[in-house]
Amino acid sequence: MSLRSRIAIPVRRLLEGAIDWAFPADELTQLANRYCSDKGNRASARHYYTRIYHELFAHLRDQQITLLEIGLRRLDYRAGTPSLSMWRDYFPHARLIGFDIADFTSVSLSNCHILQGDMSSRDDLSHLFAYGPFDIVIDDGSHASPHQQISLACLFPYVTPGGLYFIEDLNWQPLEMERVDVPQTRDLLRRKCFESPVITSAEAKFITANVESIQLFDTREIYNLDVRDALGVLRKARVAPVHMSVCAQ
């Protein structure tokens, strides 16, 4: 990347951020900012995923959906569950399920159940099955590629037909949790191929056959030059196709 590009990118982000602050945001972004969730445009990394979530979720606000979120709080946040609190206000009739490696038994939200578990453990993830099917799944957990892929393989069968499965922060992975033999999840979604050492052949075929569409959105994150394709959205097919799709080469 040229020096000119390195200068231009931060300047563009500053301008975008100034516009976000200057003009009224959608209600979900306002809730994210109120609860200090980095899904909004004011707290921490300022991903501003809420602009995308609001567009996709607005028509579901008054419905009795089930939403599962993996990963409930940044380590540098003082207390509570910022995004679950945001979802509670945004979806007043929804059933919320939280899943995190930390203990959140002290947190109490109406019509919300929080389980403790490791998203890299198939056994731990299996405890979520009884709470499905899920209309929305949001993976904001460890961001490690193997963990993201194990969770997707385990939970995608429990997404309702037409439901949405999100994977956040595909542009950043903790190096200590990555594996050289496991491709980055962003690359799998870009290729629409789910072949991975941590996903079985049967699981890969099921995901491929039951994905209606995959979309990738950029983050407005302020700490990373790589902002492309940071949020992945898989929409589950309403009716499974007869023939399995073939992974792109």
C-alpha atoms as a PDB file:
ATOM      1  CA  MET A   1       0.000   0.000   0.000  1.00  0.00           C
ATOM      2  CA  SER A   2       1.355   3.390  -0.987  1.00  0.00           C
ATOM      3  CA  LEU A   3       2.049   6.179   1.515  1.00  0.00           C
ATOM      4  CA  ARG A   4      -0.702   8.230  -0.097  1.00  0.00           C
ATOM      5  CA  SER A   5      -3.217   5.428   0.476  1.00  0.00           C
ATOM      6  CA  ARG A   6      -2.084   4.986   4.072  1.00  0.00           C
ATOM      7  CA  ILE A   7      -2.822   8.661   4.703  1.00  0.00           C
ATOM      8  CA  ALA A   8      -6.060   8.760   2.709  1.00  0.00           C
ATOM      9  CA  ILE A   9      -7.728   5.846   4.506  1.00  0.00           C
ATOM     10  CA  PRO A  10      -7.561   7.331   8.037  1.00  0.00           C
ATOM     11  CA  VAL A  11      -8.673  10.723   6.692  1.00  0.00           C
ATOM     12  CA  ARG A  12     -11.681   9.135   5.005  1.00  0.00           C
ATOM     13  CA  ARG A  13     -12.580   7.325   8.207  1.00  0.00           C
ATOM     14  CA  LEU A  14     -12.339  10.543  10.203  1.00  0.00           C
ATOM     15  CA  LEU A  15     -14.704  12.249   7.781  1.00  0.00           C
ATOM     16  CA  GLU A  16     -17.146   9.337   7.906  1.00  0.00           C
ATOM     17  CA  GLY A  17     -16.981   9.350  11.695  1.00  0.00           C
ATOM     18  CA  ALA A  18     -17.630  13.090  11.834  1.00  0.00           C
ATOM     19  CA  ILE A  19     -20.697  12.693   9.627  1.00  0.00           C
ATOM     20  CA  ASP A  20     -21.965   9.837  11.814  1.00  0.00           C
ATOM     21  CA  TRP A  21     -21.661  12.051  14.877  1.00  0.00           C
ATOM     22  CA  ALA A  22     -23.147  15.125  13.237  1.00  0.00           C
ATOM     23  CA  PHE A  23     -26.337  13.573  11.872  1.00  0.00           C
ATOM     24  CA  PRO A  24     -28.997  11.607  13.754  1.00  0.00           C
ATOM     25  CA  ALA A  25     -28.401   7.864  13.604  1.00  0.00           C
ATOM     26  CA  ASP A  26     -30.959   5.063  13.459  1.00  0.00           C
ATOM     27  CA  GLU A  27     -32.475   3.890  16.735  1.00  0.00           C
ATOM     28  CA  LEU A  28     -30.341   0.744  16.969  1.00  0.00           C
ATOM     29  CA  THR A  29     -27.156   2.797  16.689  1.00  0.00           C
ATOM     30  CA  GLN A  30     -28.433   5.125  19.382  1.00  0.00           C
ATOM     31  CA  LEU A  31     -29.060   2.125  21.658  1.00  0.00           C
ATOM     32  CA  ALA A  32     -25.593   0.720  20.936  1.00  0.00           C
ATOM     33  CA  ASN A  33     -24.022   4.043  21.847  1.00  0.00           C
ATOM     34  CA  ARG A  34     -26.118   4.295  25.019  1.00  0.00           C
ATOM     35  CA  TYR A  35     -24.935   0.876  26.209  1.00  0.00           C
ATOM     36  CA  CYS A  36     -21.343   1.383  24.969  1.00  0.00           C
ATOM     37  CA  SER A  37     -21.464  -1.462  22.449  1.00  0.00           C
ATOM     38  CA  ASP A  38     -18.782  -1.364  19.789  1.00  0.00           C
ATOM     39  CA  LYS A  39     -21.462  -2.399  17.311  1.00  0.00           C
ATOM     40  CA  GLY A  40     -22.392   1.299  17.269  1.00  0.00           C
ATOM     41  CA  ASN A  41     -20.331   4.287  16.119  1.00  0.00           C
ATOM     42  CA  ARG A  42     -19.072   5.795  19.382  1.00  0.00           C
ATOM     43  CA  ALA A  43     -17.709   3.088  21.700  1.00  0.00           C
ATOM     44  CA  SER A  44     -14.357   1.337  21.469  1.00  0.00           C
ATOM     45  CA  ALA A  45     -13.540   0.284  17.875  1.00  0.00           C
ATOM     46  CA  ARG A  46     -16.752   1.884  16.507  1.00  0.00           C
ATOM     47  CA  HIS A  47     -17.552  -0.876  14.033  1.00  0.00           C
ATOM     48  CA  TYR A  48     -20.917   0.694  13.197  1.00  0.00           C
ATOM     49  CA  TYR A  49     -22.448  -2.680  12.342  1.00  0.00           C
ATOM     50  CA  THR A  50     -25.740  -1.331  13.672  1.00  0.00           C
ATOM     51  CA  ARG A  51     -26.349   0.518  10.411  1.00  0.00           C
ATOM     52  CA  ILE A  52     -26.472  -2.903   8.720  1.00  0.00           C
ATOM     53  CA  TYR A  53     -28.340  -4.687  11.486  1.00  0.00           C
ATOM     54  CA  HIS A  54     -31.041  -2.012  11.568  1.00  0.00           C
ATOM     55  CA  GLU A  55     -31.622  -2.312   7.839  1.00  0.00           C
ATOM     56  CA  LEU A  56     -31.957  -6.105   8.100  1.00  0.00           C
ATOM     57  CA  PHE A  57     -33.880  -6.264  11.392  1.00  0.00           C
ATOM     58  CA  ALA A  58     -36.296  -3.311  11.346  1.00  0.00           C
ATOM     59  CA  HIS A  59     -39.198  -5.417  10.054  1.00  0.00           C
ATOM     60  CA  LEU A  60     -38.665  -7.989  12.845  1.00  0.00           C
ATOM     61  CA  ARG A  61     -38.771  -5.587  15.791  1.00  0.00           C
ATOM     62  CA  ASP A  62     -42.254  -6.468  17.025  1.00  0.00           C
ATOM     63  CA  GLN A  63     -42.036 -10.187  16.303  1.00  0.00           C
ATOM     64  CA  GLN A  64     -41.416 -12.977  18.825  1.00  0.00           C
ATOM     65  CA  ILE A  65     -38.081 -14.054  17.417  1.00  0.00           C
ATOM     66  CA  THR A  66     -35.260 -15.952  19.104  1.00  0.00           C
ATOM     67  CA  LEU A  67     -31.843 -14.293  18.949  1.00  0.00           C
ATOM     68  CA  LEU A  68     -28.610 -15.986  20.006  1.00  0.00           C
ATOM     69  CA  GLU A  69     -25.455 -13.953  20.589  1.00  0.00           C
ATOM     70  CA  ILE A  70     -22.041 -15.539  21.155  1.00  0.00           C
ATOM     71  CA  GLY A  71     -19.610 -13.263  22.985  1.00  0.00           C
ATOM     72  CA  LEU A  72     -21.201 -10.797  25.363  1.00  0.00           C
ATOM     73  CA  ARG A  73     -18.648  -8.270  26.547  1.00  0.00           C
ATOM     74  CA  ARG A  74     -15.221  -6.866  25.700  1.00  0.00           C
ATOM     75  CA  LEU A  75     -12.552  -7.480  28.318  1.00  0.00           C
ATOM     76  CA  ASP A  76     -12.043  -3.731  28.715  1.00  0.00           C
ATOM     77  CA  TYR A  77     -15.718  -3.034  29.412  1.00  0.00           C
ATOM     78  CA  ARG A  78     -16.598  -2.414  33.025  1.00  0.00           C
ATOM     79  CA  ALA A  79     -19.752  -4.511  33.547  1.00  0.00           C
ATOM     80  CA  GLY A  80     -22.951  -5.851  32.074  1.00  0.00           C
ATOM     81  CA  THR A  81     -23.728  -7.098  28.587  1.00  0.00           C
ATOM     82  CA  PRO A  82     -23.795  -4.080  26.245  1.00  0.00           C
ATOM     83  CA  SER A  83     -25.123  -5.744  23.123  1.00  0.00           C
ATOM     84  CA  LEU A  84     -27.681  -7.967  24.885  1.00  0.00           C
ATOM     85  CA  SER A  85     -29.021  -4.873  26.625  1.00  0.00           C
ATOM     86  CA  MET A  86     -29.221  -3.182  23.242  1.00  0.00           C
ATOM     87  CA  TRP A  87     -31.084  -6.143  21.724  1.00  0.00           C
ATOM     88  CA  ARG A  88     -33.440  -6.247  24.698  1.00  0.00           C
ATOM     89  CA  ASP A  89     -34.578  -2.688  23.997  1.00  0.00           C
ATOM     90  CA  TYR A  90     -34.628  -3.096  20.216  1.00  0.00           C
ATOM     91  CA  PHE A  91     -36.553  -6.391  20.193  1.00  0.00           C
ATOM     92  CA  PRO A  92     -39.071  -6.031  23.057  1.00  0.00           C
ATOM     93  CA  HIS A  93     -40.828  -9.348  22.307  1.00  0.00           C
ATOM     94  CA  ALA A  94     -37.761 -11.426  21.438  1.00  0.00           C
ATOM     95  CA  ARG A  95     -36.337 -14.321  23.408  1.00  0.00           C
ATOM     96  CA  LEU A  96     -32.621 -13.650  23.892  1.00  0.00           C
ATOM     97  CA  ILE A  97     -29.973 -16.322  24.391  1.00  0.00           C
ATOM     98  CA  GLY A  98     -26.423 -15.389  25.344  1.00  0.00           C
ATOM     99  CA  PHE A  99     -23.335 -17.613  25.236  1.00  0.00           C
ATOM    100  CA  ASP A 100     -19.917 -16.704  26.589  1.00  0.00           C
ATOM    101  CA  ILE A 101     -16.830 -18.364  28.044  1.00  0.00           C
ATOM    102  CA  ALA A 102     -17.116 -16.073  31.091  1.00  0.00           C
ATOM    103  CA  ASP A 103     -19.664 -16.369  33.892  1.00  0.00           C
ATOM    104  CA  PHE A 104     -22.599 -13.970  33.502  1.00  0.00           C
ATOM    105  CA  THR A 105     -24.904 -15.365  36.173  1.00  0.00           C
ATOM    106  CA  SER A 106     -24.954 -11.932  37.836  1.00  0.00           C
ATOM    107  CA  VAL A 107     -26.617 -10.391  34.748  1.00  0.00           C
ATOM    108  CA  SER A 108     -30.404 -10.314  34.696  1.00  0.00           C
ATOM    109  CA  LEU A 109     -32.425  -9.298  31.630  1.00  0.00           C
ATOM    110  CA  SER A 110     -36.065 -10.043  30.985  1.00  0.00           C
ATOM    111  CA  ASN A 111     -36.798 -13.040  28.724  1.00  0.00           C
ATOM    112  CA  CYS A 112     -33.069 -13.703  28.408  1.00  0.00           C
ATOM    113  CA  HIS A 113     -31.071 -16.832  29.243  1.00  0.00           C
ATOM    114  CA  ILE A 114     -27.255 -16.806  29.344  1.00  0.00           C
ATOM    115  CA  LEU A 115     -25.175 -19.985  29.114  1.00  0.00           C
ATOM    116  CA  GLN A 116     -21.499 -20.318  29.932  1.00  0.00           C
ATOM    117  CA  GLY A 117     -19.409 -22.270  27.470  1.00  0.00           C
ATOM    118  CA  ASP A 118     -16.496 -22.390  25.049  1.00  0.00           C
ATOM    119  CA  MET A 119     -17.387 -21.755  21.401  1.00  0.00           C
ATOM    120  CA  SER A 120     -14.555 -24.039  20.311  1.00  0.00           C
ATOM    121  CA  SER A 121     -16.182 -26.962  22.149  1.00  0.00           C
ATOM    122  CA  ARG A 122     -18.817 -28.921  20.263  1.00  0.00           C
ATOM    123  CA  ASP A 123     -20.021 -30.334  23.554  1.00  0.00           C
ATOM    124  CA  ASP A 124     -20.529 -26.850  25.033  1.00  0.00           C
ATOM    125  CA  LEU A 125     -22.254 -25.631  21.878  1.00  0.00           C
ATOM    126  CA  SER A 126     -24.612 -28.614  21.967  1.00  0.00           C
ATOM    127  CA  HIS A 127     -26.188 -27.177  25.132  1.00  0.00           C
ATOM    128  CA  LEU A 128     -27.602 -24.411  22.931  1.00  0.00           C
ATOM    129  CA  PHE A 129     -29.575 -26.768  20.704  1.00  0.00           C
ATOM    130  CA  ALA A 130     -32.484 -27.000  23.129  1.00  0.00           C
ATOM    131  CA  TYR A 131     -32.954 -23.214  22.924  1.00  0.00           C
ATOM    132  CA  GLY A 132     -33.360 -23.195  19.141  1.00  0.00           C
ATOM    133  CA  PRO A 133     -34.364 -22.828  16.469  1.00  0.00           C
ATOM    134  CA  PHE A 134     -32.809 -19.371  16.152  1.00  0.00           C
ATOM    135  CA  ASP A 135     -34.061 -16.637  13.858  1.00  0.00           C
ATOM    136  CA  ILE A 136     -30.829 -14.692  14.320  1.00  0.00           C
ATOM    137  CA  VAL A 137     -27.370 -15.886  15.404  1.00  0.00           C
ATOM    138  CA  ILE A 138     -24.583 -13.356  15.974  1.00  0.00           C
ATOM    139  CA  ASP A 139     -21.047 -14.635  16.493  1.00  0.00           C
ATOM    140  CA  ASP A 140     -19.065 -11.931  18.292  1.00  0.00           C
ATOM    141  CA  GLY A 141     -16.956 -14.394  20.260  1.00  0.00           C
ATOM    142  CA  SER A 142     -13.226 -15.100  20.135  1.00  0.00           C
ATOM    143  CA  HIS A 143     -12.936 -14.178  16.400  1.00  0.00           C
ATOM    144  CA  ALA A 144     -10.544 -17.119  15.942  1.00  0.00           C
ATOM    145  CA  SER A 145     -11.098 -18.820  12.578  1.00  0.00           C
ATOM    146  CA  PRO A 146     -11.345 -22.392  13.970  1.00  0.00           C
ATOM    147  CA  HIS A 147     -13.827 -21.271  16.633  1.00  0.00           C
ATOM    148  CA  GLN A 148     -15.974 -19.372  14.131  1.00  0.00           C
ATOM    149  CA  GLN A 149     -16.118 -22.377  11.833  1.00  0.00           C
ATOM    150  CA  ILE A 150     -16.882 -24.927  14.558  1.00  0.00           C
ATOM    151  CA  SER A 151     -19.716 -22.732  15.815  1.00  0.00           C
ATOM    152  CA  LEU A 152     -21.101 -22.270  12.317  1.00  0.00           C
ATOM    153  CA  ALA A 153     -20.984 -26.000  11.628  1.00  0.00           C
ATOM    154  CA  CYS A 154     -22.739 -26.831  14.901  1.00  0.00           C
ATOM    155  CA  LEU A 155     -25.352 -24.083  14.956  1.00  0.00           C
ATOM    156  CA  PHE A 156     -26.343 -23.493  11.335  1.00  0.00           C
ATOM    157  CA  PRO A 157     -28.710 -26.503  11.356  1.00  0.00           C
ATOM    158  CA  TYR A 158     -30.566 -24.783  14.213  1.00  0.00           C
ATOM    159  CA  VAL A 159     -31.199 -21.562  12.291  1.00  0.00           C
ATOM    160  CA  THR A 160     -34.800 -21.199  11.121  1.00  0.00           C
ATOM    161  CA  PRO A 161     -35.496 -21.332   7.366  1.00  0.00           C
ATOM    162  CA  GLY A 162     -34.879 -17.815   6.087  1.00  0.00           C
ATOM    163  CA  GLY A 163     -32.994 -16.962   9.282  1.00  0.00           C
ATOM    164  CA  LEU A 164     -29.720 -15.050   9.496  1.00  0.00           C
ATOM    165  CA  TYR A 165     -26.292 -16.098  10.807  1.00  0.00           C
ATOM    166  CA  PHE A 166     -23.752 -13.286  11.363  1.00  0.00           C
ATOM    167  CA  ILE A 167     -20.009 -13.521  11.977  1.00  0.00           C
ATOM    168  CA  GLU A 168     -18.395 -10.282  13.153  1.00  0.00           C
ATOM    169  CA  ASP A 169     -14.848  -8.966  12.864  1.00  0.00           C
ATOM    170  CA  LEU A 170     -13.712 -11.244  10.050  1.00  0.00           C
ATOM    171  CA  ASN A 171     -10.886  -8.760   9.424  1.00  0.00           C
ATOM    172  CA  TRP A 172      -9.114  -9.538  12.707  1.00  0.00           C
ATOM    173  CA  GLN A 173      -8.145 -12.818  14.349  1.00  0.00           C
ATOM    174  CA  PRO A 174      -6.093 -13.412  17.526  1.00  0.00           C
ATOM    175  CA  LEU A 175      -2.880 -14.938  16.181  1.00  0.00           C
ATOM    176  CA  GLU A 176      -2.375 -17.151  19.224  1.00  0.00           C
ATOM    177  CA  MET A 177      -5.663 -18.937  18.480  1.00  0.00           C
ATOM    178  CA  GLU A 178      -5.199 -19.351  14.728  1.00  0.00           C
ATOM    179  CA  ARG A 179      -4.096 -22.591  13.066  1.00  0.00           C
ATOM    180  CA  VAL A 180      -1.947 -22.722   9.959  1.00  0.00           C
ATOM    181  CA  ASP A 181      -4.079 -25.505   8.478  1.00  0.00           C
ATOM    182  CA  VAL A 182      -7.387 -23.674   8.960  1.00  0.00           C
ATOM    183  CA  PRO A 183      -8.297 -21.056   6.339  1.00  0.00           C
ATOM    184  CA  GLN A 184      -9.616 -17.711   7.510  1.00  0.00           C
ATOM    185  CA  THR A 185     -13.387 -17.643   7.753  1.00  0.00           C
ATOM    186  CA  ARG A 186     -13.553 -14.538   5.573  1.00  0.00           C
ATOM    187  CA  ASP A 187     -11.890 -16.514   2.759  1.00  0.00           C
ATOM    188  CA  LEU A 188     -14.419 -19.339   3.106  1.00  0.00           C
ATOM    189  CA  LEU A 189     -17.297 -16.870   2.834  1.00  0.00           C
ATOM    190  CA  ARG A 190     -15.723 -15.062  -0.104  1.00  0.00           C
ATOM    191  CA  ARG A 191     -15.391 -18.372  -1.966  1.00  0.00           C
ATOM    192  CA  LYS A 192     -18.717 -19.687  -0.661  1.00  0.00           C
ATOM    193  CA  CYS A 193     -16.870 -22.851   0.199  1.00  0.00           C
ATOM    194  CA  PHE A 194     -16.891 -24.492   3.633  1.00  0.00           C
ATOM    195  CA  GLU A 195     -14.101 -27.031   3.329  1.00  0.00           C
ATOM    196  CA  SER A 196     -12.013 -26.802   6.498  1.00  0.00           C
ATOM    197  CA  PRO A 197     -10.192 -29.215   8.826  1.00  0.00           C
ATOM    198  CA  VAL A 198     -12.585 -28.243  11.647  1.00  0.00           C
ATOM    199  CA  ILE A 199     -15.761 -28.773   9.597  1.00  0.00           C
ATOM    200  CA  THR A 200     -16.765 -32.309   8.648  1.00  0.00           C
ATOM    201  CA  SER A 201     -17.613 -33.177   5.068  1.00  0.00           C
ATOM    202  CA  ALA A 202     -21.268 -33.722   6.015  1.00  0.00           C
ATOM    203  CA  GLU A 203     -21.411 -30.347   7.791  1.00  0.00           C
ATOM    204  CA  ALA A 204     -19.813 -28.558   4.828  1.00  0.00           C
ATOM    205  CA  LYS A 205     -22.330 -30.129   2.447  1.00  0.00           C
ATOM    206  CA  PHE A 206     -25.223 -29.166   4.704  1.00  0.00           C
ATOM    207  CA  ILE A 207     -24.121 -25.534   4.952  1.00  0.00           C
ATOM    208  CA  THR A 208     -23.497 -25.268   1.205  1.00  0.00           C
ATOM    209  CA  ALA A 209     -26.867 -26.826   0.383  1.00  0.00           C
ATOM    210  CA  ASN A 210     -28.799 -24.663   2.827  1.00  0.00           C
ATOM    211  CA  VAL A 211     -27.256 -21.234   2.308  1.00  0.00           C
ATOM    212  CA  GLU A 212     -29.489 -19.002   0.225  1.00  0.00           C
ATOM    213  CA  SER A 213     -27.042 -16.091   0.132  1.00  0.00           C
ATOM    214  CA  ILE A 214     -23.837 -14.748   1.658  1.00  0.00           C
ATOM    215  CA  GLN A 215     -23.164 -11.027   2.047  1.00  0.00           C
ATOM    216  CA  LEU A 216     -20.046  -9.276   3.302  1.00  0.00           C
ATOM    217  CA  PHE A 217     -19.994  -5.755   4.734  1.00  0.00           C
ATOM    218  CA  ASP A 218     -17.162  -3.426   5.709  1.00  0.00           C
ATOM    219  CA  THR A 219     -16.525  -2.207   9.235  1.00  0.00           C
ATOM    220  CA  ARG A 220     -15.963   1.425  10.196  1.00  0.00           C
ATOM    221  CA  GLU A 221     -13.396   0.263  12.760  1.00  0.00           C
ATOM    222  CA  ILE A 222     -10.866   2.940  13.712  1.00  0.00           C
ATOM    223  CA  TYR A 223      -7.962   0.695  14.772  1.00  0.00           C
ATOM    224  CA  ASN A 224      -7.413  -1.472  11.693  1.00  0.00           C
ATOM    225  CA  LEU A 225      -6.439  -0.471   8.158  1.00  0.00           C
ATOM    226  CA  ASP A 226      -8.099  -3.636   6.837  1.00  0.00           C
ATOM    227  CA  VAL A 227     -11.821  -2.852   6.994  1.00  0.00           C
ATOM    228  CA  ARG A 228     -13.090  -4.874   4.030  1.00  0.00           C
ATOM    229  CA  ASP A 229     -15.569  -7.735   4.406  1.00  0.00           C
ATOM    230  CA  ALA A 230     -15.554  -7.623   8.207  1.00  0.00           C
ATOM    231  CA  LEU A 231     -19.165  -8.694   8.795  1.00  0.00           C
ATOM    232  CA  GLY A 232     -20.424 -11.883   7.183  1.00  0.00           C
ATOM    233  CA  VAL A 233     -24.143 -12.634   6.808  1.00  0.00           C
ATOM    234  CA  LEU A 234     -25.412 -16.057   5.818  1.00  0.00           C
ATOM    235  CA  ARG A 235     -29.121 -16.325   5.064  1.00  0.00           C
ATOM    236  CA  LYS A 236     -30.508 -19.820   5.405  1.00  0.00           C
ATOM    237  CA  ALA A 237     -32.601 -21.095   2.526  1.00  0.00           C
ATOM    238  CA  ARG A 238     -36.331 -21.195   3.102  1.00  0.00           C
ATOM    239  CA  VAL A 239     -36.469 -24.527   1.249  1.00  0.00           C
ATOM    240  CA  ALA A 240     -33.369 -26.700   0.948  1.00  0.00           C
ATOM    241  CA  PRO A 241     -32.331 -27.363  -2.682  1.00  0.00           C
ATOM    242  CA  VAL A 242     -32.456 -30.888  -4.035  1.00  0.00           C
ATOM    243  CA  HIS A 243     -28.856 -30.841  -5.245  1.00  0.00           C
ATOM    244  CA  MET A 244     -25.812 -29.820  -3.238  1.00  0.00           C
ATOM    245  CA  SER A 245     -23.839 -26.839  -4.490  1.00  0.00           C
ATOM    246  CA  VAL A 246     -20.211 -27.290  -5.452  1.00  0.00           C
ATOM    247  CA  CYS A 247     -17.549 -25.140  -3.758  1.00  0.00           C
ATOM    248  CA  ALA A 248     -16.021 -22.509  -5.992  1.00  0.00           C
ATOM    249  CA  GLN A 249     -12.442 -23.214  -7.005  1.00  0.00           C
END
